[in-house]
């Protein structure tokens, strides 16, 4: 998404403790694995779909309800770095 780091996209949350994050053009599973390599655990969209449908796997679910406020910046940096790892096309 233009103007968003790492090609990530999201809608402004109006409440709650989870965020659905568009997986930067990769599959949710691919992006979740890249996040894990960066030390950040998220769940691919397909984990919440009947039968783990791969055709419905363009997002990851990010839960931020149990992370201390002091760690949110590092978590955001890990999400951005992971998006850069999996984003298709030219980097920069």
N, C-alpha and C. Protein backbone atom coordinates (compact mmCIF):
# COMPACT_ATOMS: atom_id res chain seq x y z
N UNK A 1 0.85 -1.18 0.00
CA UNK A 1 0.00 0.00 0.00
C UNK A 1 0.89 1.24 0.00
N UNK A 2 0.57 2.20 -0.84
CA UNK A 2 1.38 3.41 -0.91
C UNK A 2 1.42 4.13 0.44
N UNK A 3 2.59 4.57 0.83
CA UNK A 3 2.74 5.31 2.07
C UNK A 3 2.77 4.46 3.32
N UNK A 4 2.63 3.18 3.18
CA UNK A 4 2.67 2.30 4.35
C UNK A 4 3.96 1.49 4.31
N UNK A 5 4.62 1.32 5.44
CA UNK A 5 5.89 0.61 5.45
C UNK A 5 5.78 -0.84 5.00
N UNK A 6 6.74 -1.30 4.22
CA UNK A 6 6.82 -2.69 3.83
C UNK A 6 5.71 -3.16 2.91
N UNK A 7 4.91 -2.24 2.36
CA UNK A 7 3.80 -2.64 1.51
C UNK A 7 2.62 -3.19 2.30
N UNK A 8 2.61 -2.98 3.61
CA UNK A 8 1.54 -3.48 4.46
C UNK A 8 0.30 -2.61 4.32
N UNK A 9 -0.86 -3.17 4.62
CA UNK A 9 -2.11 -2.42 4.59
C UNK A 9 -3.01 -2.88 5.73
N UNK A 10 -3.80 -1.95 6.25
CA UNK A 10 -4.74 -2.27 7.31
C UNK A 10 -5.79 -1.19 7.36
N UNK A 11 -6.91 -1.52 8.01
CA UNK A 11 -7.95 -0.54 8.28
C UNK A 11 -7.77 -0.06 9.71
N UNK A 12 -8.08 1.19 9.94
CA UNK A 12 -7.96 1.76 11.29
C UNK A 12 -8.86 0.97 12.24
N UNK A 13 -8.28 0.47 13.32
CA UNK A 13 -9.05 -0.30 14.31
C UNK A 13 -9.93 0.63 15.13
N UNK A 14 -11.13 0.18 15.42
CA UNK A 14 -12.05 0.98 16.24
C UNK A 14 -12.18 0.41 17.64
N UNK A 15 -11.35 -0.55 17.95
CA UNK A 15 -11.40 -1.18 19.26
C UNK A 15 -10.90 -2.61 19.14
N UNK A 16 -10.82 -3.28 20.24
CA UNK A 16 -10.40 -4.67 20.24
C UNK A 16 -8.90 -4.84 20.49
N UNK A 17 -8.47 -6.07 20.43
CA UNK A 17 -7.07 -6.39 20.73
C UNK A 17 -6.39 -7.13 19.58
N UNK A 18 -7.04 -7.18 18.42
CA UNK A 18 -6.48 -7.85 17.25
C UNK A 18 -6.57 -6.93 16.04
N UNK A 19 -5.70 -7.18 15.10
CA UNK A 19 -5.67 -6.42 13.86
C UNK A 19 -5.44 -7.40 12.72
N UNK A 20 -6.23 -7.29 11.65
CA UNK A 20 -6.00 -8.09 10.45
C UNK A 20 -5.09 -7.27 9.56
N UNK A 21 -3.92 -7.81 9.27
CA UNK A 21 -2.90 -7.11 8.50
C UNK A 21 -2.72 -7.79 7.16
N UNK A 22 -2.87 -7.03 6.08
CA UNK A 22 -2.66 -7.56 4.74
C UNK A 22 -1.21 -7.99 4.62
N UNK A 23 -0.97 -9.15 4.06
CA UNK A 23 0.34 -9.80 4.10
C UNK A 23 1.29 -9.35 2.99
N UNK A 24 1.24 -8.08 2.59
CA UNK A 24 2.22 -7.50 1.66
C UNK A 24 2.35 -8.25 0.34
N UNK A 25 1.24 -8.84 -0.12
CA UNK A 25 1.26 -9.55 -1.40
C UNK A 25 1.69 -11.00 -1.29
N UNK A 26 2.09 -11.43 -0.13
CA UNK A 26 2.46 -12.84 0.10
C UNK A 26 1.25 -13.56 0.70
N UNK A 27 1.34 -14.86 0.84
CA UNK A 27 0.27 -15.57 1.55
C UNK A 27 0.41 -15.30 3.04
N UNK A 28 -0.69 -15.45 3.75
CA UNK A 28 -0.65 -15.27 5.20
C UNK A 28 0.32 -16.24 5.86
N UNK A 29 0.35 -17.47 5.37
CA UNK A 29 1.28 -18.46 5.95
C UNK A 29 2.74 -18.06 5.72
N UNK A 30 3.03 -17.61 4.51
CA UNK A 30 4.39 -17.17 4.18
C UNK A 30 4.81 -16.00 5.09
N UNK A 31 3.91 -15.05 5.23
CA UNK A 31 4.21 -13.88 6.04
C UNK A 31 4.33 -14.25 7.52
N UNK A 32 3.46 -15.13 8.01
CA UNK A 32 3.53 -15.58 9.40
C UNK A 32 4.86 -16.26 9.69
N UNK A 33 5.34 -17.06 8.75
CA UNK A 33 6.65 -17.73 8.91
C UNK A 33 7.78 -16.70 8.95
N UNK A 34 7.70 -15.68 8.09
CA UNK A 34 8.72 -14.62 8.08
C UNK A 34 8.68 -13.84 9.40
N UNK A 35 7.48 -13.60 9.92
CA UNK A 35 7.36 -12.91 11.20
C UNK A 35 7.99 -13.73 12.32
N UNK A 36 7.73 -15.02 12.31
CA UNK A 36 8.30 -15.90 13.33
C UNK A 36 9.82 -15.87 13.29
N UNK A 37 10.40 -15.87 12.09
CA UNK A 37 11.86 -15.77 11.97
C UNK A 37 12.38 -14.46 12.56
N UNK A 38 11.53 -13.45 12.59
CA UNK A 38 11.90 -12.15 13.15
C UNK A 38 11.51 -12.03 14.62
N UNK A 39 10.99 -13.13 15.20
CA UNK A 39 10.66 -13.14 16.62
C UNK A 39 9.27 -12.63 16.97
N UNK A 40 8.40 -12.57 15.98
CA UNK A 40 7.05 -12.05 16.19
C UNK A 40 6.05 -13.13 15.75
N UNK A 41 5.18 -13.53 16.64
CA UNK A 41 4.22 -14.60 16.33
C UNK A 41 2.88 -13.99 15.93
N UNK A 42 2.42 -14.34 14.73
CA UNK A 42 1.10 -13.94 14.22
C UNK A 42 0.44 -15.19 13.65
N UNK A 43 -0.85 -15.11 13.37
CA UNK A 43 -1.58 -16.26 12.83
C UNK A 43 -2.05 -15.97 11.41
N UNK A 44 -1.81 -16.90 10.48
CA UNK A 44 -2.28 -16.69 9.11
C UNK A 44 -3.80 -16.77 9.03
N UNK A 45 -4.36 -16.01 8.11
CA UNK A 45 -5.81 -15.97 7.93
C UNK A 45 -6.39 -17.37 7.73
N UNK A 46 -5.68 -18.22 6.99
CA UNK A 46 -6.20 -19.56 6.68
C UNK A 46 -6.44 -20.39 7.94
N UNK A 47 -5.76 -20.06 9.05
CA UNK A 47 -5.97 -20.79 10.30
C UNK A 47 -7.38 -20.55 10.86
N UNK A 48 -8.04 -19.50 10.40
CA UNK A 48 -9.37 -19.15 10.88
C UNK A 48 -10.46 -19.46 9.86
N UNK A 49 -10.08 -20.10 8.77
CA UNK A 49 -11.03 -20.47 7.71
C UNK A 49 -11.32 -21.96 7.78
N UNK A 50 -12.53 -22.34 7.41
CA UNK A 50 -12.91 -23.74 7.40
C UNK A 50 -11.96 -24.53 6.53
N UNK A 51 -11.37 -25.55 7.07
CA UNK A 51 -10.46 -26.41 6.32
C UNK A 51 -9.13 -25.76 5.97
N UNK A 52 -8.81 -24.61 6.57
CA UNK A 52 -7.54 -23.94 6.29
C UNK A 52 -7.39 -23.51 4.85
N UNK A 53 -8.48 -23.09 4.23
CA UNK A 53 -8.51 -22.72 2.80
C UNK A 53 -7.35 -21.81 2.42
N UNK A 54 -6.52 -22.26 1.52
CA UNK A 54 -5.38 -21.47 1.05
C UNK A 54 -5.81 -20.29 0.20
N UNK A 55 -7.01 -20.38 -0.43
CA UNK A 55 -7.47 -19.27 -1.27
C UNK A 55 -7.95 -18.08 -0.44
N UNK A 56 -8.08 -18.26 0.85
CA UNK A 56 -8.46 -17.18 1.76
C UNK A 56 -7.32 -16.97 2.75
N UNK A 57 -6.18 -16.56 2.23
CA UNK A 57 -4.99 -16.46 3.08
C UNK A 57 -4.13 -15.27 2.67
N UNK A 58 -4.72 -14.07 2.68
CA UNK A 58 -3.98 -12.88 2.28
C UNK A 58 -3.65 -11.98 3.47
N UNK A 59 -4.03 -12.40 4.67
CA UNK A 59 -3.84 -11.58 5.86
C UNK A 59 -3.24 -12.42 7.00
N UNK A 60 -2.75 -11.72 8.02
CA UNK A 60 -2.39 -12.36 9.28
C UNK A 60 -3.14 -11.63 10.38
N UNK A 61 -3.40 -12.36 11.44
CA UNK A 61 -4.05 -11.77 12.61
C UNK A 61 -2.96 -11.42 13.62
N UNK A 62 -2.89 -10.15 13.96
CA UNK A 62 -1.91 -9.65 14.92
C UNK A 62 -2.66 -9.35 16.21
N UNK A 63 -2.27 -10.00 17.28
CA UNK A 63 -2.87 -9.75 18.59
C UNK A 63 -1.91 -8.90 19.40
N UNK A 64 -2.41 -7.78 19.90
CA UNK A 64 -1.54 -6.89 20.66
C UNK A 64 -2.07 -6.64 22.07
N UNK A 65 -3.02 -7.44 22.49
CA UNK A 65 -3.62 -7.26 23.81
C UNK A 65 -2.76 -7.71 24.96
N UNK A 66 -1.79 -8.57 24.71
CA UNK A 66 -0.99 -9.08 25.82
C UNK A 66 0.47 -8.65 25.75
N UNK A 67 0.79 -7.74 24.84
CA UNK A 67 2.17 -7.28 24.72
C UNK A 67 2.31 -5.95 25.46
N UNK A 68 3.37 -5.82 26.25
CA UNK A 68 3.57 -4.55 26.96
C UNK A 68 3.76 -3.40 25.96
N UNK A 69 3.26 -2.26 26.30
CA UNK A 69 3.36 -1.07 25.46
C UNK A 69 4.81 -0.79 25.07
N UNK A 70 5.73 -1.08 25.97
CA UNK A 70 7.14 -0.82 25.72
C UNK A 70 7.71 -1.71 24.61
N UNK A 71 7.03 -2.79 24.26
CA UNK A 71 7.51 -3.71 23.23
C UNK A 71 6.82 -3.53 21.88
N UNK A 72 5.82 -2.67 21.81
CA UNK A 72 5.06 -2.50 20.56
C UNK A 72 5.93 -1.97 19.42
N UNK A 73 6.83 -1.06 19.70
CA UNK A 73 7.66 -0.51 18.63
C UNK A 73 8.54 -1.60 18.02
N UNK A 74 9.15 -2.43 18.86
CA UNK A 74 9.97 -3.53 18.33
C UNK A 74 9.13 -4.53 17.56
N UNK A 75 7.92 -4.79 18.02
CA UNK A 75 7.03 -5.70 17.30
C UNK A 75 6.68 -5.12 15.93
N UNK A 76 6.39 -3.83 15.88
CA UNK A 76 6.06 -3.18 14.60
C UNK A 76 7.26 -3.26 13.65
N UNK A 77 8.45 -3.05 14.16
CA UNK A 77 9.65 -3.14 13.32
C UNK A 77 9.82 -4.56 12.77
N UNK A 78 9.53 -5.57 13.59
CA UNK A 78 9.63 -6.96 13.14
C UNK A 78 8.60 -7.25 12.05
N UNK A 79 7.38 -6.73 12.20
CA UNK A 79 6.33 -6.92 11.19
C UNK A 79 6.74 -6.28 9.87
N UNK A 80 7.32 -5.09 9.92
CA UNK A 80 7.76 -4.40 8.71
C UNK A 80 8.90 -5.15 8.05
N UNK A 81 9.88 -5.58 8.84
CA UNK A 81 11.03 -6.31 8.29
C UNK A 81 10.58 -7.62 7.64
N UNK A 82 9.64 -8.32 8.28
CA UNK A 82 9.13 -9.58 7.72
C UNK A 82 8.39 -9.32 6.41
N UNK A 83 7.65 -8.21 6.34
CA UNK A 83 6.95 -7.86 5.10
C UNK A 83 7.96 -7.60 3.98
N UNK A 84 9.04 -6.94 4.30
CA UNK A 84 10.09 -6.71 3.30
C UNK A 84 10.70 -8.04 2.85
N UNK A 85 10.80 -9.00 3.76
CA UNK A 85 11.37 -10.31 3.43
C UNK A 85 10.53 -11.06 2.39
N UNK A 86 9.21 -10.89 2.44
CA UNK A 86 8.32 -11.69 1.58
C UNK A 86 7.66 -10.91 0.46
N UNK A 87 7.80 -9.60 0.47
CA UNK A 87 7.10 -8.79 -0.54
C UNK A 87 7.61 -9.09 -1.92
N UNK A 88 6.71 -9.40 -2.84
CA UNK A 88 7.14 -9.67 -4.23
C UNK A 88 7.56 -8.37 -4.92
N UNK A 89 8.36 -8.50 -5.95
CA UNK A 89 8.75 -7.35 -6.76
C UNK A 89 9.99 -6.65 -6.23
N UNK A 90 10.29 -5.51 -6.82
CA UNK A 90 11.50 -4.76 -6.44
C UNK A 90 11.43 -4.27 -5.01
N UNK A 91 12.54 -4.27 -4.35
CA UNK A 91 12.64 -3.79 -2.97
C UNK A 91 13.20 -2.38 -2.98
N UNK A 92 12.94 -1.65 -1.91
CA UNK A 92 13.55 -0.34 -1.85
C UNK A 92 12.89 0.63 -1.04
